[in-house]
Amino acid sequence: MIVTRAVVYLNAFLTGFVVMGFEMLVSRYLNPYFGGSITTWAAIISSVLAALTLGYFVGGTLADRVPSPRLLGGLIMVSSLYISLIPRAYEATFAGIFALTESTRIGSLYASVALVFFPLTLLGMYSPFAIRLTLESVDQSGRVAGRIYAVSTLGSILGTLGVSFLLIPAMGSRKITFLLSLVLLFSALLLFLCPVAHPRPGSATPARRGHRAS
């Protein structure tokens, strides 16, 4: 099945926006407890990259087995729910971390993992899933993958600048967190409601084309 490309590209932009916007926002949660030093930023960035790495890997495997836009929408919705709970749960989470370790370096790493690893792993699944859902033939794989990652990166740039330059000075961290959660909820609903097309009869895998040529 093939998902409407407009939906795929829009969601690539939205998820990219949330990933980097959320990364910038997490620093606001950690700063009062663990400081804003380079080690805190190293903990945040490495946690985000680890989450995306796992998301790319699992997402690619899952997309080949169950290429369903509804499943992808469900994953994004779970991420949205997790992020929406952070304003209520982070203080208790940080208190538990302080009980485990007195080191702000290790504590900032634990805190970063607690806040970002699960939801961003789910969002990291989007790009490989989107490529699988959009491809009509392998001849388009490079073009489709390039466009999806380009649109996602554009969203990440605007998420970084938008949250840091506009949203953080204008509103509190809790409100921004709920706003990002709503963006993901909208993204999930698009996938649940989007029309799905079936591959054209002429689109074939290389093996089949080779069989015809012979």
Foldseek 3Di string as FASTA:
>chain_A
DAFDVVLLLVLLLLLLLLLQLVLVLVLVVLCVPLNNDPLLNVLQVVLLVVLLVLLCVVLLVVCVVDLALLVLLVLLLVLLVLLLCCVVCLVVVLVVLCVVDVHSNVSSNSSSNSNRRRSSSSSSSSLSSNLSNHDLAPVCSVVSSVSSVVSSNVSNVCSNCCSVPPVVVPDPSSVVSNVSSVSSNVSSVCSVPTDGDDHDPPHDYPVVVVVVVD
